[in-house]
């Protein structure tokens, strides 16, 4: 259970770093990448433990590292995708409002 807590906390920290380094971070909330990343981390950790990949000699690193990598990738992907889409949408709405 400690590996789940450590993995989720590490992913939350990385999600906050993703948000802070995104140049379009004003278009979405600060908690979005961190929460999405932690959810992916918790789900993937649960799946890996239920699949029997944890707490075995030679495989004990998998529930520690792989969920953090998957959660961080989800946070990064969400930040890039949502930041780009929301920025385009905001510019289009602002342009339409200024044309009036």
PDB file of N, CA and C in Angstrom:
ATOM      1  N   UNK A   1       0.814  -1.189   0.000  1.00  0.00           N
ATOM      2  CA  UNK A   1       0.000   0.000   0.000  1.00  0.00           C
ATOM      3  C   UNK A   1       0.865   1.265   0.000  1.00  0.00           C
ATOM      4  N   UNK A   2       2.045   1.173   0.598  1.00  0.00           N
ATOM      5  CA  UNK A   2       2.937   2.319   0.612  1.00  0.00           C
ATOM      6  C   UNK A   2       3.356   2.706  -0.805  1.00  0.00           C
ATOM      7  N   UNK A   3       3.511   1.725  -1.665  1.00  0.00           N
ATOM      8  CA  UNK A   3       3.917   2.042  -3.032  1.00  0.00           C
ATOM      9  C   UNK A   3       2.832   2.833  -3.766  1.00  0.00           C
ATOM     10  N   UNK A   4       1.554   2.587  -3.442  1.00  0.00           N
ATOM     11  CA  UNK A   4       0.470   3.365  -4.044  1.00  0.00           C
ATOM     12  C   UNK A   4       0.533   4.815  -3.592  1.00  0.00           C
ATOM     13  N   UNK A   5       0.735   5.024  -2.310  1.00  0.00           N
ATOM     14  CA  UNK A   5       0.791   6.392  -1.770  1.00  0.00           C
ATOM     15  C   UNK A   5       1.970   7.153  -2.369  1.00  0.00           C
ATOM     16  N   UNK A   6       3.127   6.520  -2.416  1.00  0.00           N
ATOM     17  CA  UNK A   6       4.317   7.174  -2.967  1.00  0.00           C
ATOM     18  C   UNK A   6       4.118   7.477  -4.458  1.00  0.00           C
ATOM     19  N   UNK A   7       3.570   6.521  -5.182  1.00  0.00           N
ATOM     20  CA  UNK A   7       3.365   6.720  -6.617  1.00  0.00           C
ATOM     21  C   UNK A   7       2.371   7.847  -6.890  1.00  0.00           C
ATOM     22  N   UNK A   8       1.285   7.902  -6.136  1.00  0.00           N
ATOM     23  CA  UNK A   8       0.284   8.960  -6.335  1.00  0.00           C
ATOM     24  C   UNK A   8       0.862  10.330  -5.965  1.00  0.00           C
ATOM     25  N   UNK A   9       1.583  10.415  -4.865  1.00  0.00           N
ATOM     26  CA  UNK A   9       2.172  11.704  -4.471  1.00  0.00           C
ATOM     27  C   UNK A   9       3.225  12.170  -5.474  1.00  0.00           C
ATOM     28  N   UNK A  10       4.015  11.247  -5.982  1.00  0.00           N
ATOM     29  CA  UNK A  10       5.011  11.621  -6.992  1.00  0.00           C
ATOM     30  C   UNK A  10       4.333  12.097  -8.268  1.00  0.00           C
ATOM     31  N   UNK A  11       3.245  11.454  -8.646  1.00  0.00           N
ATOM     32  CA  UNK A  11       2.536  11.859  -9.862  1.00  0.00           C
ATOM     33  C   UNK A  11       1.843  13.204  -9.680  1.00  0.00           C
ATOM     34  N   UNK A  12       1.324  13.460  -8.502  1.00  0.00           N
ATOM     35  CA  UNK A  12       0.726  14.773  -8.242  1.00  0.00           C
ATOM     36  C   UNK A  12       1.779  15.867  -8.364  1.00  0.00           C
ATOM     37  N   UNK A  13       2.952  15.629  -7.816  1.00  0.00           N
ATOM     38  CA  UNK A  13       4.036  16.612  -7.923  1.00  0.00           C
ATOM     39  C   UNK A  13       4.438  16.823  -9.378  1.00  0.00           C
ATOM     40  N   UNK A  14       4.541  15.744 -10.139  1.00  0.00           N
ATOM     41  CA  UNK A  14       4.895  15.880 -11.554  1.00  0.00           C
ATOM     42  C   UNK A  14       3.780  16.562 -12.349  1.00  0.00           C
ATOM     43  N   UNK A  15       2.529  16.300 -11.980  1.00  0.00           N
ATOM     44  CA  UNK A  15       1.404  16.983 -12.634  1.00  0.00           C
ATOM     45  C   UNK A  15       1.425  18.478 -12.386  1.00  0.00           C
ATOM     46  N   UNK A  16       1.807  18.877 -11.186  1.00  0.00           N
ATOM     47  CA  UNK A  16       1.939  20.309 -10.890  1.00  0.00           C
ATOM     48  C   UNK A  16       3.084  20.932 -11.689  1.00  0.00           C
ATOM     49  N   UNK A  17       4.170  20.188 -11.852  1.00  0.00           N
ATOM     50  CA  UNK A  17       5.283  20.690 -12.664  1.00  0.00           C
ATOM     51  C   UNK A  17       4.880  20.821 -14.135  1.00  0.00           C
ATOM     52  N   UNK A  18       4.094  19.860 -14.609  1.00  0.00           N
ATOM     53  CA  UNK A  18       3.606  19.948 -15.996  1.00  0.00           C
ATOM     54  C   UNK A  18       2.772  21.206 -16.164  1.00  0.00           C
ATOM     55  N   UNK A  19       1.872  21.467 -15.216  1.00  0.00           N
ATOM     56  CA  UNK A  19       1.030  22.658 -15.303  1.00  0.00           C
ATOM     57  C   UNK A  19       1.875  23.927 -15.256  1.00  0.00           C
ATOM     58  N   UNK A  20       2.857  23.967 -14.375  1.00  0.00           N
ATOM     59  CA  UNK A  20       3.672  25.175 -14.210  1.00  0.00           C
ATOM     60  C   UNK A  20       4.529  25.458 -15.443  1.00  0.00           C
ATOM     61  N   UNK A  21       4.938  24.434 -16.151  1.00  0.00           N
ATOM     62  CA  UNK A  21       5.800  24.634 -17.311  1.00  0.00           C
ATOM     63  C   UNK A  21       5.041  24.815 -18.619  1.00  0.00           C
ATOM     64  N   UNK A  22       3.734  24.665 -18.590  1.00  0.00           N
ATOM     65  CA  UNK A  22       2.937  24.841 -19.803  1.00  0.00           C
ATOM     66  C   UNK A  22       2.691  26.325 -20.032  1.00  0.00           C
ATOM     67  N   UNK A  23       2.993  26.791 -21.236  1.00  0.00           N
ATOM     68  CA  UNK A  23       2.836  28.225 -21.492  1.00  0.00           C
ATOM     69  C   UNK A  23       1.368  28.633 -21.621  1.00  0.00           C
ATOM     70  N   UNK A  24       0.469  27.670 -21.812  1.00  0.00           N
ATOM     71  CA  UNK A  24      -0.962  27.963 -21.910  1.00  0.00           C
ATOM     72  C   UNK A  24      -1.710  27.507 -20.658  1.00  0.00           C
ATOM     73  N   UNK A  25      -1.043  27.509 -19.501  1.00  0.00           N
ATOM     74  CA  UNK A  25      -1.670  26.972 -18.297  1.00  0.00           C
ATOM     75  C   UNK A  25      -2.794  27.841 -17.751  1.00  0.00           C
ATOM     76  N   UNK A  26      -2.964  29.022 -18.276  1.00  0.00           N
ATOM     77  CA  UNK A  26      -4.068  29.865 -17.805  1.00  0.00           C
ATOM     78  C   UNK A  26      -5.407  29.460 -18.401  1.00  0.00           C
ATOM     79  N   UNK A  27      -5.406  28.549 -19.385  1.00  0.00           N
ATOM     80  CA  UNK A  27      -6.658  28.169 -20.031  1.00  0.00           C
ATOM     81  C   UNK A  27      -7.361  27.016 -19.333  1.00  0.00           C
ATOM     82  N   UNK A  28      -6.710  26.361 -18.388  1.00  0.00           N
ATOM     83  CA  UNK A  28      -7.343  25.267 -17.645  1.00  0.00           C
ATOM     84  C   UNK A  28      -6.862  25.306 -16.205  1.00  0.00           C
ATOM     85  N   UNK A  29      -7.514  24.584 -15.354  1.00  0.00           N
ATOM     86  CA  UNK A  29      -7.245  24.635 -13.921  1.00  0.00           C
ATOM     87  C   UNK A  29      -5.923  24.020 -13.513  1.00  0.00           C
ATOM     88  N   UNK A  30      -5.443  24.455 -12.361  1.00  0.00           N
ATOM     89  CA  UNK A  30      -4.154  24.003 -11.858  1.00  0.00           C
ATOM     90  C   UNK A  30      -4.200  22.533 -11.455  1.00  0.00           C
ATOM     91  N   UNK A  31      -5.346  22.044 -11.029  1.00  0.00           N
ATOM     92  CA  UNK A  31      -5.436  20.678 -10.520  1.00  0.00           C
ATOM     93  C   UNK A  31      -5.706  19.642 -11.602  1.00  0.00           C
ATOM     94  N   UNK A  32      -6.039  20.063 -12.802  1.00  0.00           N
ATOM     95  CA  UNK A  32      -6.424  19.102 -13.839  1.00  0.00           C
ATOM     96  C   UNK A  32      -5.326  18.092 -14.173  1.00  0.00           C
ATOM     97  N   UNK A  33      -4.108  18.499 -14.523  1.00  0.00           N
ATOM     98  CA  UNK A  33      -3.092  17.487 -14.827  1.00  0.00           C
ATOM     99  C   UNK A  33      -2.729  16.617 -13.626  1.00  0.00           C
ATOM    100  N   UNK A  34      -2.675  17.218 -12.447  1.00  0.00           N
ATOM    101  CA  UNK A  34      -2.324  16.454 -11.252  1.00  0.00           C
ATOM    102  C   UNK A  34      -3.400  15.429 -10.905  1.00  0.00           C
ATOM    103  N   UNK A  35      -4.653  15.814 -10.989  1.00  0.00           N
ATOM    104  CA  UNK A  35      -5.744  14.887 -10.663  1.00  0.00           C
ATOM    105  C   UNK A  35      -5.870  13.787 -11.702  1.00  0.00           C
ATOM    106  N   UNK A  36      -5.746  14.125 -12.961  1.00  0.00           N
ATOM    107  CA  UNK A  36      -5.822  13.108 -14.004  1.00  0.00           C
ATOM    108  C   UNK A  36      -4.649  12.138 -13.894  1.00  0.00           C
ATOM    109  N   UNK A  37      -3.479  12.662 -13.650  1.00  0.00           N
ATOM    110  CA  UNK A  37      -2.306  11.807 -13.487  1.00  0.00           C
ATOM    111  C   UNK A  37      -2.408  10.898 -12.282  1.00  0.00           C
ATOM    112  N   UNK A  38      -2.919  11.416 -11.173  1.00  0.00           N
ATOM    113  CA  UNK A  38      -3.050  10.576  -9.979  1.00  0.00           C
ATOM    114  C   UNK A  38      -4.119   9.507 -10.169  1.00  0.00           C
ATOM    115  N   UNK A  39      -5.178   9.809 -10.891  1.00  0.00           N
ATOM    116  CA  UNK A  39      -6.200   8.793 -11.168  1.00  0.00           C
ATOM    117  C   UNK A  39      -5.637   7.671 -12.039  1.00  0.00           C
ATOM    118  N   UNK A  40      -4.892   8.037 -13.077  1.00  0.00           N
ATOM    119  CA  UNK A  40      -4.269   7.030 -13.938  1.00  0.00           C
ATOM    120  C   UNK A  40      -3.260   6.205 -13.144  1.00  0.00           C
ATOM    121  N   UNK A  41      -2.520   6.853 -12.268  1.00  0.00           N
ATOM    122  CA  UNK A  41      -1.544   6.143 -11.440  1.00  0.00           C
ATOM    123  C   UNK A  41      -2.230   5.139 -10.520  1.00  0.00           C
ATOM    124  N   UNK A  42      -3.288   5.549  -9.855  1.00  0.00           N
ATOM    125  CA  UNK A  42      -3.975   4.655  -8.924  1.00  0.00           C
ATOM    126  C   UNK A  42      -4.610   3.472  -9.655  1.00  0.00           C
ATOM    127  N   UNK A  43      -5.221   3.730 -10.796  1.00  0.00           N
ATOM    128  CA  UNK A  43      -5.846   2.651 -11.562  1.00  0.00           C
ATOM    129  C   UNK A  43      -4.799   1.687 -12.099  1.00  0.00           C
ATOM    130  N   UNK A  44      -3.717   2.215 -12.646  1.00  0.00           N
ATOM    131  CA  UNK A  44      -2.685   1.326 -13.193  1.00  0.00           C
ATOM    132  C   UNK A  44      -1.985   0.543 -12.088  1.00  0.00           C
ATOM    133  N   UNK A  45      -1.775   1.155 -10.910  1.00  0.00           N
ATOM    134  CA  UNK A  45      -1.180   0.432  -9.789  1.00  0.00           C
ATOM    135  C   UNK A  45      -2.081  -0.718  -9.357  1.00  0.00           C
ATOM    136  N   UNK A  46      -3.381  -0.452  -9.287  1.00  0.00           N
ATOM    137  CA  UNK A  46      -4.330  -1.493  -8.903  1.00  0.00           C
ATOM    138  C   UNK A  46      -4.335  -2.640  -9.898  1.00  0.00           C
ATOM    139  N   UNK A  47      -4.324  -2.315 -11.168  1.00  0.00           N
ATOM    140  CA  UNK A  47      -4.307  -3.352 -12.206  1.00  0.00           C
ATOM    141  C   UNK A  47      -3.019  -4.168 -12.131  1.00  0.00           C
ATOM    142  N   UNK A  48      -1.899  -3.513 -11.937  1.00  0.00           N
ATOM    143  CA  UNK A  48      -0.628  -4.232 -11.849  1.00  0.00           C
ATOM    144  C   UNK A  48      -0.565  -5.142 -10.628  1.00  0.00           C
ATOM    145  N   UNK A  49      -1.080  -4.694  -9.497  1.00  0.00           N
ATOM    146  CA  UNK A  49      -1.078  -5.515  -8.289  1.00  0.00           C
ATOM    147  C   UNK A  49      -2.027  -6.704  -8.460  1.00  0.00           C
ATOM    148  N   UNK A  50      -3.205  -6.461  -9.037  1.00  0.00           N
ATOM    149  CA  UNK A  50      -4.152  -7.558  -9.252  1.00  0.00           C
ATOM    150  C   UNK A  50      -3.644  -8.558 -10.287  1.00  0.00           C
ATOM    151  N   UNK A  51      -2.816  -8.093 -11.211  1.00  0.00           N
ATOM    152  CA  UNK A  51      -2.236  -8.989 -12.219  1.00  0.00           C
ATOM    153  C   UNK A  51      -1.090  -9.821 -11.644  1.00  0.00           C
ATOM    154  N   UNK A  52      -0.680  -9.512 -10.436  1.00  0.00           N
ATOM    155  CA  UNK A  52       0.366 -10.292  -9.782  1.00  0.00           C
ATOM    156  C   UNK A  52       1.776  -9.859 -10.115  1.00  0.00           C
ATOM    157  N   UNK A  53       1.945  -8.628 -10.588  1.00  0.00           N
ATOM    158  CA  UNK A  53       3.279  -8.161 -10.961  1.00  0.00           C
ATOM    159  C   UNK A  53       4.031  -7.495  -9.811  1.00  0.00           C
ATOM    160  N   UNK A  54       3.388  -7.323  -8.686  1.00  0.00           N
ATOM    161  CA  UNK A  54       4.055  -6.663  -7.575  1.00  0.00           C
ATOM    162  C   UNK A  54       4.505  -7.621  -6.510  1.00  0.00           C
ATOM    163  N   UNK A  55       5.485  -7.204  -5.771  1.00  0.00           N
ATOM    164  CA  UNK A  55       5.991  -7.935  -4.617  1.00  0.00           C
ATOM    165  C   UNK A  55       6.510  -9.330  -4.972  1.00  0.00           C
ATOM    166  N   UNK A  56       7.141  -9.431  -6.114  1.00  0.00           N
ATOM    167  CA  UNK A  56       7.786 -10.661  -6.545  1.00  0.00           C
ATOM    168  C   UNK A  56       9.237 -10.338  -6.858  1.00  0.00           C
ATOM    169  N   UNK A  57      10.138 -11.254  -6.590  1.00  0.00           N
ATOM    170  CA  UNK A  57      11.550 -10.993  -6.872  1.00  0.00           C
ATOM    171  C   UNK A  57      11.773 -10.658  -8.351  1.00  0.00           C
ATOM    172  N   UNK A  58      12.433  -9.578  -8.599  1.00  0.00           N
ATOM    173  CA  UNK A  58      12.728  -9.146  -9.954  1.00  0.00           C
ATOM    174  C   UNK A  58      11.644  -8.295 -10.586  1.00  0.00           C
ATOM    175  N   UNK A  59      10.438  -8.317 -10.031  1.00  0.00           N
ATOM    176  CA  UNK A  59       9.331  -7.539 -10.592  1.00  0.00           C
ATOM    177  C   UNK A  59       8.799  -6.488  -9.617  1.00  0.00           C
ATOM    178  N   UNK A  60       9.413  -6.344  -8.472  1.00  0.00           N
ATOM    179  CA  UNK A  60       8.876  -5.432  -7.459  1.00  0.00           C
ATOM    180  C   UNK A  60       8.988  -3.962  -7.862  1.00  0.00           C
ATOM    181  N   UNK A  61       9.775  -3.622  -8.862  1.00  0.00           N
ATOM    182  CA  UNK A  61       9.901  -2.233  -9.307  1.00  0.00           C
ATOM    183  C   UNK A  61       8.726  -1.817 -10.188  1.00  0.00           C
ATOM    184  N   UNK A  62       8.031  -2.777 -10.775  1.00  0.00           N
ATOM    185  CA  UNK A  62       6.962  -2.444 -11.729  1.00  0.00           C
ATOM    186  C   UNK A  62       5.836  -1.636 -11.079  1.00  0.00           C
ATOM    187  N   UNK A  63       5.279  -2.020  -9.917  1.00  0.00           N
ATOM    188  CA  UNK A  63       4.223  -1.186  -9.345  1.00  0.00           C
ATOM    189  C   UNK A  63       4.719   0.141  -8.774  1.00  0.00           C
ATOM    190  N   UNK A  64       6.015   0.345  -8.690  1.00  0.00           N
ATOM    191  CA  UNK A  64       6.553   1.612  -8.216  1.00  0.00           C
ATOM    192  C   UNK A  64       6.798   2.581  -9.373  1.00  0.00           C
ATOM    193  N   UNK A  65       7.386   2.103 -10.446  1.00  0.00           N
ATOM    194  CA  UNK A  65       7.831   2.987 -11.525  1.00  0.00           C
ATOM    195  C   UNK A  65       6.790   3.149 -12.635  1.00  0.00           C
ATOM    196  N   UNK A  66       6.239   2.058 -13.118  1.00  0.00           N
ATOM    197  CA  UNK A  66       5.333   2.113 -14.264  1.00  0.00           C
ATOM    198  C   UNK A  66       4.099   2.989 -14.030  1.00  0.00           C
ATOM    199  N   UNK A  67       3.427   2.916 -12.882  1.00  0.00           N
ATOM    200  CA  UNK A  67       2.291   3.827 -12.676  1.00  0.00           C
ATOM    201  C   UNK A  67       2.682   5.302 -12.675  1.00  0.00           C
ATOM    202  N   UNK A  68       3.861   5.617 -12.146  1.00  0.00           N
ATOM    203  CA  UNK A  68       4.314   7.014 -12.155  1.00  0.00           C
ATOM    204  C   UNK A  68       4.547   7.486 -13.585  1.00  0.00           C
ATOM    205  N   UNK A  69       5.145   6.626 -14.406  1.00  0.00           N
ATOM    206  CA  UNK A  69       5.387   6.979 -15.806  1.00  0.00           C
ATOM    207  C   UNK A  69       4.066   7.151 -16.548  1.00  0.00           C
ATOM    208  N   UNK A  70       3.131   6.227 -16.348  1.00  0.00           N
ATOM    209  CA  UNK A  70       1.834   6.325 -17.028  1.00  0.00           C
ATOM    210  C   UNK A  70       1.043   7.551 -16.570  1.00  0.00           C
ATOM    211  N   UNK A  71       1.039   7.821 -15.274  1.00  0.00           N
ATOM    212  CA  UNK A  71       0.331   8.990 -14.759  1.00  0.00           C
ATOM    213  C   UNK A  71       0.936  10.299 -15.231  1.00  0.00           C
ATOM    214  N   UNK A  72       2.253  10.352 -15.276  1.00  0.00           N
ATOM    215  CA  UNK A  72       2.918  11.567 -15.768  1.00  0.00           C
ATOM    216  C   UNK A  72       2.656  11.783 -17.249  1.00  0.00           C
ATOM    217  N   UNK A  73       2.642  10.702 -18.011  1.00  0.00           N
ATOM    218  CA  UNK A  73       2.331  10.814 -19.441  1.00  0.00           C
ATOM    219  C   UNK A  73       0.891  11.281 -19.648  1.00  0.00           C
ATOM    220  N   UNK A  74      -0.029  10.797 -18.824  1.00  0.00           N
ATOM    221  CA  UNK A  74      -1.423  11.239 -18.922  1.00  0.00           C
ATOM    222  C   UNK A  74      -1.556  12.716 -18.564  1.00  0.00           C
ATOM    223  N   UNK A  75      -0.844  13.156 -17.534  1.00  0.00           N
ATOM    224  CA  UNK A  75      -0.886  14.570 -17.143  1.00  0.00           C
ATOM    225  C   UNK A  75      -0.307  15.458 -18.241  1.00  0.00           C
ATOM    226  N   UNK A  76       0.817  15.026 -18.807  1.00  0.00           N
ATOM    227  CA  UNK A  76       1.442  15.797 -19.878  1.00  0.00           C
ATOM    228  C   UNK A  76       0.545  15.843 -21.113  1.00  0.00           C
ATOM    229  N   UNK A  77      -0.019  14.707 -21.489  1.00  0.00           N
ATOM    230  CA  UNK A  77      -0.893  14.655 -22.660  1.00  0.00           C
ATOM    231  C   UNK A  77      -2.143  15.502 -22.483  1.00  0.00           C
ATOM    232  N   UNK A  78      -2.738  15.449 -21.307  1.00  0.00           N
ATOM    233  CA  UNK A  78      -3.929  16.258 -21.047  1.00  0.00           C
ATOM    234  C   UNK A  78      -3.608  17.744 -21.078  1.00  0.00           C
ATOM    235  N   UNK A  79      -2.483  18.121 -20.508  1.00  0.00           N
ATOM    236  CA  UNK A  79      -2.103  19.535 -20.499  1.00  0.00           C
ATOM    237  C   UNK A  79      -1.861  20.041 -21.913  1.00  0.00           C
ATOM    238  N   UNK A  80      -1.167  19.257 -22.721  1.00  0.00           N
ATOM    239  CA  UNK A  80      -0.880  19.692 -24.088  1.00  0.00           C
ATOM    240  C   UNK A  80      -2.152  19.738 -24.931  1.00  0.00           C
ATOM    241  N   UNK A  81      -2.968  18.711 -24.827  1.00  0.00           N
ATOM    242  CA  UNK A  81      -4.189  18.644 -25.629  1.00  0.00           C
ATOM    243  C   UNK A  81      -5.185  19.720 -25.222  1.00  0.00           C
ATOM    244  N   UNK A  82      -5.465  19.813 -23.925  1.00  0.00           N
ATOM    245  CA  UNK A  82      -6.429  20.806 -23.467  1.00  0.00           C
ATOM    246  C   UNK A  82      -5.916  22.226 -23.616  1.00  0.00           C
ATOM    247  N   UNK A  83      -4.648  22.441 -23.361  1.00  0.00           N
ATOM    248  CA  UNK A  83      -4.094  23.783 -23.520  1.00  0.00           C
ATOM    249  C   UNK A  83      -4.202  24.286 -24.945  1.00  0.00           C
ATOM    250  N   UNK A  84      -3.876  23.419 -25.891  1.00  0.00           N
ATOM    251  CA  UNK A  84      -3.954  23.793 -27.302  1.00  0.00           C
ATOM    252  C   UNK A  84      -5.399  24.045 -27.733  1.00  0.00           C
ATOM    253  N   UNK A  85      -6.304  23.136 -27.359  1.00  0.00           N
ATOM    254  CA  UNK A  85      -7.713  23.283 -27.753  1.00  0.00           C
ATOM    255  C   UNK A  85      -8.360  24.495 -27.108  1.00  0.00           C
ATOM    256  N   UNK A  86      -8.133  24.671 -25.825  1.00  0.00           N
ATOM    257  CA  UNK A  86      -8.749  25.801 -25.142  1.00  0.00           C
ATOM    258  C   UNK A  86      -8.205  27.129 -25.643  1.00  0.00           C
ATOM    259  N   UNK A  87      -6.911  27.173 -25.969  1.00  0.00           N
ATOM    260  CA  UNK A  87      -6.326  28.409 -26.495  1.00  0.00           C
ATOM    261  C   UNK A  87      -6.959  28.759 -27.842  1.00  0.00           C
ATOM    262  N   UNK A  88      -7.102  27.767 -28.725  1.00  0.00           N
ATOM    263  CA  UNK A  88      -7.742  28.021 -30.020  1.00  0.00           C
ATOM    264  C   UNK A  88      -9.181  28.476 -29.840  1.00  0.00           C
ATOM    265  N   UNK A  89      -9.901  27.833 -28.921  1.00  0.00           N
ATOM    266  CA  UNK A  89     -11.292  28.200 -28.669  1.00  0.00           C
ATOM    267  C   UNK A  89     -11.396  29.613 -28.100  1.00  0.00           C
ATOM    268  N   UNK A  90     -10.530  29.949 -27.172  1.00  0.00           N
ATOM    269  CA  UNK A  90     -10.550  31.288 -26.581  1.00  0.00           C
ATOM    270  C   UNK A  90     -10.228  32.362 -27.612  1.00  0.00           C
ATOM    271  N   UNK A  91      -9.248  32.098 -28.482  1.00  0.00           N
ATOM    272  CA  UNK A  91      -8.895  33.067 -29.526  1.00  0.00           C
ATOM    273  C   UNK A  91     -10.045  33.235 -30.507  1.00  0.00           C
ATOM    274  N   UNK A  92     -10.702  32.133 -30.873  1.00  0.00           N
ATOM    275  CA  UNK A  92     -11.826  32.211 -31.805  1.00  0.00           C
ATOM    276  C   UNK A  92     -12.983  32.999 -31.191  1.00  0.00           C
ATOM    277  N   UNK A  93     -13.289  32.767 -29.924  1.00  0.00           N
ATOM    278  CA  UNK A  93     -14.369  33.497 -29.262  1.00  0.00           C
ATOM    279  C   UNK A  93     -14.021  34.978 -29.102  1.00  0.00           C
ATOM    280  N   UNK A  94     -12.782  35.284 -28.789  1.00  0.00           N
ATOM    281  CA  UNK A  94     -12.367  36.667 -28.645  1.00  0.00           C
ATOM    282  C   UNK A  94     -12.428  37.385 -29.993  1.00  0.00           C
ATOM    283  N   UNK A  95     -11.996  36.705 -31.050  1.00  0.00           N
ATOM    284  CA  UNK A  95     -12.054  37.289 -32.389  1.00  0.00           C
ATOM    285  C   UNK A  95     -13.509  37.556 -32.802  1.00  0.00           C
ATOM    286  N   UNK A  96     -14.388  36.594 -32.521  1.00  0.00           N
ATOM    287  CA  UNK A  96     -15.803  36.776 -32.850  1.00  0.00           C
ATOM    288  C   UNK A  96     -16.404  37.925 -32.055  1.00  0.00           C
ATOM    289  N   UNK A  97     -16.034  38.064 -30.801  1.00  0.00           N
ATOM    290  CA  UNK A  97     -16.555  39.144 -29.983  1.00  0.00           C
ATOM    291  C   UNK A  97     -16.020  40.500 -30.442  1.00  0.00           C
ATOM    292  N   UNK A  98     -14.789  40.558 -30.914  1.00  0.00           N
ATOM    293  CA  UNK A  98     -14.231  41.829 -31.365  1.00  0.00           C
ATOM    294  C   UNK A  98     -14.752  42.255 -32.727  1.00  0.00           C
ATOM    295  N   UNK A  99     -15.270  41.317 -33.512  1.00  0.00           N
ATOM    296  CA  UNK A  99     -15.807  41.651 -34.829  1.00  0.00           C
ATOM    297  C   UNK A  99     -17.142  42.341 -34.732  1.00  0.00           C
ATOM    298  N   UNK A 100     -17.820  42.225 -33.580  1.00  0.00           N
ATOM    299  CA  UNK A 100     -19.130  42.844 -33.426  1.00  0.00           C
ATOM    300  C   UNK A 100     -19.027  44.300 -33.364  1.00  0.00           C
TER     301      UNK A 100
END
